[in-house]
């Protein structure tokens, strides 16, 4: 009886229409498109962190001609929102937002235009060094989170736009 139930569940799952995004592993169509995305330079420290995170995730292969160019504009803000009676800030929020465009390298047309964003809370302590270190750590984490969001969206675009091989 248990085997019949397990078999029925397997048939239901296979009929749900879900399929792996990265099917074929490194040789799959999505992975090949991701490796052909060139990330344009991004200004500032946040831009440097973001570009490195994107390049790590995309796995850019310089021997393959760039099929797409990823252009990213960042908005990095720190705002205080926890305030003591003496008007000293006790908590900050670091917000990193990205507007990104995927441009077809051959035609120069924008094929994907989207945004990504995240924020992190930071405790403001009596040590200025510790607060600055926490702000920098938050920026590093936010860069990683946004890079994950951007690459996931580009991978979905690649899966939907490229024909099956």
C-alpha atoms as a PDB file:
ATOM      1  CA  UNK A   1       0.000   0.000   0.000  1.00  0.00           C
ATOM      2  CA  UNK A   2       2.819   2.381   0.920  1.00  0.00           C
ATOM      3  CA  UNK A   3       4.543   1.789  -2.409  1.00  0.00           C
ATOM      4  CA  UNK A   4       1.379   2.650  -4.325  1.00  0.00           C
ATOM      5  CA  UNK A   5       1.058   5.946  -2.443  1.00  0.00           C
ATOM      6  CA  UNK A   6       4.722   6.768  -3.060  1.00  0.00           C
ATOM      7  CA  UNK A   7       4.348   5.983  -6.768  1.00  0.00           C
ATOM      8  CA  UNK A   8       1.224   8.147  -7.007  1.00  0.00           C
ATOM      9  CA  UNK A   9       3.050  11.051  -5.327  1.00  0.00           C
ATOM     10  CA  UNK A  10       5.982  10.729  -7.732  1.00  0.00           C
ATOM     11  CA  UNK A  11       3.625  10.849 -10.705  1.00  0.00           C
ATOM     12  CA  UNK A  12       1.927  13.962  -9.321  1.00  0.00           C
ATOM     13  CA  UNK A  13       5.227  15.749  -8.788  1.00  0.00           C
ATOM     14  CA  UNK A  14       6.451  14.935 -12.287  1.00  0.00           C
ATOM     15  CA  UNK A  15       3.229  16.309 -13.787  1.00  0.00           C
ATOM     16  CA  UNK A  16       3.355  19.651 -11.966  1.00  0.00           C
ATOM     17  CA  UNK A  17       5.361  21.364 -14.727  1.00  0.00           C
ATOM     18  CA  UNK A  18       8.346  22.282 -12.583  1.00  0.00           C
ATOM     19  CA  UNK A  19      11.746  21.813 -14.145  1.00  0.00           C
ATOM     20  CA  UNK A  20      15.207  22.691 -12.885  1.00  0.00           C
ATOM     21  CA  UNK A  21      16.538  26.096 -13.935  1.00  0.00           C
ATOM     22  CA  UNK A  22      20.122  24.902 -14.175  1.00  0.00           C
ATOM     23  CA  UNK A  23      19.409  21.603 -15.912  1.00  0.00           C
ATOM     24  CA  UNK A  24      22.440  20.325 -17.730  1.00  0.00           C
ATOM     25  CA  UNK A  25      24.792  21.703 -15.085  1.00  0.00           C
ATOM     26  CA  UNK A  26      27.693  23.769 -16.440  1.00  0.00           C
ATOM     27  CA  UNK A  27      26.867  22.756 -19.983  1.00  0.00           C
ATOM     28  CA  UNK A  28      23.207  23.780 -19.772  1.00  0.00           C
ATOM     29  CA  UNK A  29      21.781  26.705 -21.703  1.00  0.00           C
ATOM     30  CA  UNK A  30      21.307  28.938 -18.636  1.00  0.00           C
ATOM     31  CA  UNK A  31      24.860  28.374 -17.405  1.00  0.00           C
ATOM     32  CA  UNK A  32      26.236  29.136 -20.854  1.00  0.00           C
ATOM     33  CA  UNK A  33      24.325  32.406 -21.063  1.00  0.00           C
ATOM     34  CA  UNK A  34      25.403  33.426 -17.555  1.00  0.00           C
ATOM     35  CA  UNK A  35      29.052  32.804 -18.444  1.00  0.00           C
ATOM     36  CA  UNK A  36      28.650  35.114 -21.461  1.00  0.00           C
ATOM     37  CA  UNK A  37      27.482  38.131 -19.402  1.00  0.00           C
ATOM     38  CA  UNK A  38      30.048  40.905 -19.013  1.00  0.00           C
ATOM     39  CA  UNK A  39      29.514  43.139 -15.964  1.00  0.00           C
ATOM     40  CA  UNK A  40      30.224  46.809 -16.676  1.00  0.00           C
ATOM     41  CA  UNK A  41      32.240  48.818 -14.156  1.00  0.00           C
ATOM     42  CA  UNK A  42      30.202  50.178 -11.227  1.00  0.00           C
ATOM     43  CA  UNK A  43      31.279  53.332  -9.359  1.00  0.00           C
ATOM     44  CA  UNK A  44      32.366  53.408  -5.719  1.00  0.00           C
ATOM     45  CA  UNK A  45      33.164  50.907  -3.031  1.00  0.00           C
ATOM     46  CA  UNK A  46      29.665  49.423  -3.166  1.00  0.00           C
ATOM     47  CA  UNK A  47      30.078  49.108  -6.934  1.00  0.00           C
ATOM     48  CA  UNK A  48      33.384  47.304  -6.576  1.00  0.00           C
ATOM     49  CA  UNK A  49      31.843  44.851  -4.099  1.00  0.00           C
ATOM     50  CA  UNK A  50      28.779  44.359  -6.304  1.00  0.00           C
ATOM     51  CA  UNK A  51      30.776  43.778  -9.481  1.00  0.00           C
ATOM     52  CA  UNK A  52      32.985  41.191  -7.762  1.00  0.00           C
ATOM     53  CA  UNK A  53      29.953  39.397  -6.323  1.00  0.00           C
ATOM     54  CA  UNK A  54      28.253  39.345  -9.725  1.00  0.00           C
ATOM     55  CA  UNK A  55      31.362  38.076 -11.508  1.00  0.00           C
ATOM     56  CA  UNK A  56      31.750  35.318  -8.886  1.00  0.00           C
ATOM     57  CA  UNK A  57      28.192  34.141  -9.442  1.00  0.00           C
ATOM     58  CA  UNK A  58      28.106  34.486 -13.219  1.00  0.00           C
ATOM     59  CA  UNK A  59      31.353  32.566 -13.743  1.00  0.00           C
ATOM     60  CA  UNK A  60      32.313  34.786 -16.688  1.00  0.00           C
ATOM     61  CA  UNK A  61      34.478  32.956 -19.192  1.00  0.00           C
ATOM     62  CA  UNK A  62      36.726  35.501 -20.966  1.00  0.00           C
ATOM     63  CA  UNK A  63      37.322  33.066 -23.843  1.00  0.00           C
ATOM     64  CA  UNK A  64      33.626  33.287 -24.776  1.00  0.00           C
ATOM     65  CA  UNK A  65      32.592  36.517 -26.529  1.00  0.00           C
ATOM     66  CA  UNK A  66      30.229  38.534 -24.356  1.00  0.00           C
ATOM     67  CA  UNK A  67      26.676  37.990 -25.500  1.00  0.00           C
ATOM     68  CA  UNK A  68      25.260  40.437 -22.938  1.00  0.00           C
ATOM     69  CA  UNK A  69      26.465  43.377 -20.866  1.00  0.00           C
ATOM     70  CA  UNK A  70      25.067  43.940 -17.382  1.00  0.00           C
ATOM     71  CA  UNK A  71      24.882  47.607 -16.372  1.00  0.00           C
ATOM     72  CA  UNK A  72      24.185  48.322 -12.702  1.00  0.00           C
ATOM     73  CA  UNK A  73      23.459  51.604 -10.914  1.00  0.00           C
ATOM     74  CA  UNK A  74      23.541  51.513  -7.115  1.00  0.00           C
ATOM     75  CA  UNK A  75      21.874  53.671  -4.475  1.00  0.00           C
ATOM     76  CA  UNK A  76      23.489  53.173  -1.058  1.00  0.00           C
ATOM     77  CA  UNK A  77      21.874  54.949   1.899  1.00  0.00           C
ATOM     78  CA  UNK A  78      22.432  54.914   5.649  1.00  0.00           C
ATOM     79  CA  UNK A  79      19.736  56.419   7.840  1.00  0.00           C
ATOM     80  CA  UNK A  80      19.458  56.621  11.601  1.00  0.00           C
ATOM     81  CA  UNK A  81      16.168  55.611  13.139  1.00  0.00           C
ATOM     82  CA  UNK A  82      16.779  54.629  16.752  1.00  0.00           C
ATOM     83  CA  UNK A  83      17.150  57.770  18.847  1.00  0.00           C
ATOM     84  CA  UNK A  84      17.809  58.164  22.581  1.00  0.00           C
ATOM     85  CA  UNK A  85      16.532  61.002  24.734  1.00  0.00           C
ATOM     86  CA  UNK A  86      19.739  62.946  24.119  1.00  0.00           C
ATOM     87  CA  UNK A  87      19.083  62.729  20.327  1.00  0.00           C
ATOM     88  CA  UNK A  88      21.928  60.239  19.777  1.00  0.00           C
ATOM     89  CA  UNK A  89      21.263  57.638  17.080  1.00  0.00           C
ATOM     90  CA  UNK A  90      21.319  54.076  18.411  1.00  0.00           C
ATOM     91  CA  UNK A  91      20.292  52.164  15.297  1.00  0.00           C
ATOM     92  CA  UNK A  92      20.908  52.637  11.592  1.00  0.00           C
ATOM     93  CA  UNK A  93      19.465  51.083   8.477  1.00  0.00           C
ATOM     94  CA  UNK A  94      21.702  50.575   5.467  1.00  0.00           C
ATOM     95  CA  UNK A  95      19.731  50.255   2.263  1.00  0.00           C
ATOM     96  CA  UNK A  96      21.260  49.129  -1.012  1.00  0.00           C
ATOM     97  CA  UNK A  97      19.162  49.341  -4.160  1.00  0.00           C
ATOM     98  CA  UNK A  98      20.237  48.422  -7.672  1.00  0.00           C
ATOM     99  CA  UNK A  99      18.742  49.254 -11.012  1.00  0.00           C
ATOM    100  CA  UNK A 100      20.188  46.910 -13.578  1.00  0.00           C
ATOM    101  CA  UNK A 101      19.886  46.497 -17.302  1.00  0.00           C
ATOM    102  CA  UNK A 102      20.885  43.513 -19.380  1.00  0.00           C
ATOM    103  CA  UNK A 103      21.968  44.765 -22.795  1.00  0.00           C
ATOM    104  CA  UNK A 104      22.337  42.612 -25.890  1.00  0.00           C
ATOM    105  CA  UNK A 105      25.995  43.187 -26.795  1.00  0.00           C
ATOM    106  CA  UNK A 106      25.496  42.747 -30.545  1.00  0.00           C
ATOM    107  CA  UNK A 107      22.465  44.977 -30.983  1.00  0.00           C
ATOM    108  CA  UNK A 108      22.826  47.358 -28.045  1.00  0.00           C
ATOM    109  CA  UNK A 109      19.192  46.867 -27.024  1.00  0.00           C
ATOM    110  CA  UNK A 110      18.035  46.520 -23.431  1.00  0.00           C
ATOM    111  CA  UNK A 111      16.501  43.073 -22.997  1.00  0.00           C
ATOM    112  CA  UNK A 112      15.948  43.208 -19.232  1.00  0.00           C
ATOM    113  CA  UNK A 113      15.442  46.275 -17.031  1.00  0.00           C
ATOM    114  CA  UNK A 114      14.726  45.612 -13.367  1.00  0.00           C
ATOM    115  CA  UNK A 115      15.551  46.545  -9.779  1.00  0.00           C
ATOM    116  CA  UNK A 116      16.744  44.704  -6.701  1.00  0.00           C
ATOM    117  CA  UNK A 117      17.158  45.825  -3.144  1.00  0.00           C
ATOM    118  CA  UNK A 118      17.707  44.875   0.439  1.00  0.00           C
ATOM    119  CA  UNK A 119      18.469  46.510   3.758  1.00  0.00           C
ATOM    120  CA  UNK A 120      20.260  45.699   6.981  1.00  0.00           C
ATOM    121  CA  UNK A 121      20.009  46.993  10.520  1.00  0.00           C
ATOM    122  CA  UNK A 122      23.120  48.236  12.309  1.00  0.00           C
ATOM    123  CA  UNK A 123      23.584  48.891  16.020  1.00  0.00           C
ATOM    124  CA  UNK A 124      25.372  52.153  16.733  1.00  0.00           C
ATOM    125  CA  UNK A 125      27.698  51.609  19.677  1.00  0.00           C
ATOM    126  CA  UNK A 126      30.044  53.881  21.610  1.00  0.00           C
ATOM    127  CA  UNK A 127      33.031  52.743  19.551  1.00  0.00           C
ATOM    128  CA  UNK A 128      33.121  54.589  16.222  1.00  0.00           C
ATOM    129  CA  UNK A 129      35.426  51.910  14.818  1.00  0.00           C
ATOM    130  CA  UNK A 130      32.921  49.163  15.665  1.00  0.00           C
ATOM    131  CA  UNK A 131      30.083  51.106  14.058  1.00  0.00           C
ATOM    132  CA  UNK A 132      32.079  51.697  10.867  1.00  0.00           C
ATOM    133  CA  UNK A 133      33.059  48.023  10.782  1.00  0.00           C
ATOM    134  CA  UNK A 134      29.383  47.043  11.147  1.00  0.00           C
ATOM    135  CA  UNK A 135      28.417  49.432   8.325  1.00  0.00           C
ATOM    136  CA  UNK A 136      31.069  47.907   6.059  1.00  0.00           C
ATOM    137  CA  UNK A 137      30.014  44.365   6.927  1.00  0.00           C
ATOM    138  CA  UNK A 138      26.408  45.281   6.162  1.00  0.00           C
ATOM    139  CA  UNK A 139      27.471  46.654   2.768  1.00  0.00           C
ATOM    140  CA  UNK A 140      29.337  43.426   1.968  1.00  0.00           C
ATOM    141  CA  UNK A 141      26.307  41.307   2.923  1.00  0.00           C
ATOM    142  CA  UNK A 142      23.914  43.507   0.974  1.00  0.00           C
ATOM    143  CA  UNK A 143      26.147  43.283  -2.104  1.00  0.00           C
ATOM    144  CA  UNK A 144      26.019  39.497  -1.897  1.00  0.00           C
ATOM    145  CA  UNK A 145      22.227  39.482  -1.458  1.00  0.00           C
ATOM    146  CA  UNK A 146      21.653  41.816  -4.410  1.00  0.00           C
ATOM    147  CA  UNK A 147      24.065  39.825  -6.587  1.00  0.00           C
ATOM    148  CA  UNK A 148      22.027  36.683  -5.818  1.00  0.00           C
ATOM    149  CA  UNK A 149      18.793  38.489  -6.743  1.00  0.00           C
ATOM    150  CA  UNK A 150      20.219  39.876  -9.987  1.00  0.00           C
ATOM    151  CA  UNK A 151      21.756  36.599 -11.151  1.00  0.00           C
ATOM    152  CA  UNK A 152      18.543  34.714 -10.356  1.00  0.00           C
ATOM    153  CA  UNK A 153      16.552  37.179 -12.485  1.00  0.00           C
ATOM    154  CA  UNK A 154      19.068  37.017 -15.339  1.00  0.00           C
ATOM    155  CA  UNK A 155      18.984  33.207 -15.149  1.00  0.00           C
ATOM    156  CA  UNK A 156      15.184  33.256 -15.465  1.00  0.00           C
ATOM    157  CA  UNK A 157      15.494  35.561 -18.455  1.00  0.00           C
ATOM    158  CA  UNK A 158      18.075  33.236 -20.030  1.00  0.00           C
ATOM    159  CA  UNK A 159      15.890  30.168 -19.446  1.00  0.00           C
ATOM    160  CA  UNK A 160      12.854  31.819 -21.032  1.00  0.00           C
ATOM    161  CA  UNK A 161      14.671  33.425 -23.978  1.00  0.00           C
ATOM    162  CA  UNK A 162      17.022  30.736 -25.202  1.00  0.00           C
ATOM    163  CA  UNK A 163      15.639  27.832 -27.239  1.00  0.00           C
ATOM    164  CA  UNK A 164      16.108  24.282 -26.018  1.00  0.00           C
ATOM    165  CA  UNK A 165      19.101  22.503 -27.507  1.00  0.00           C
END
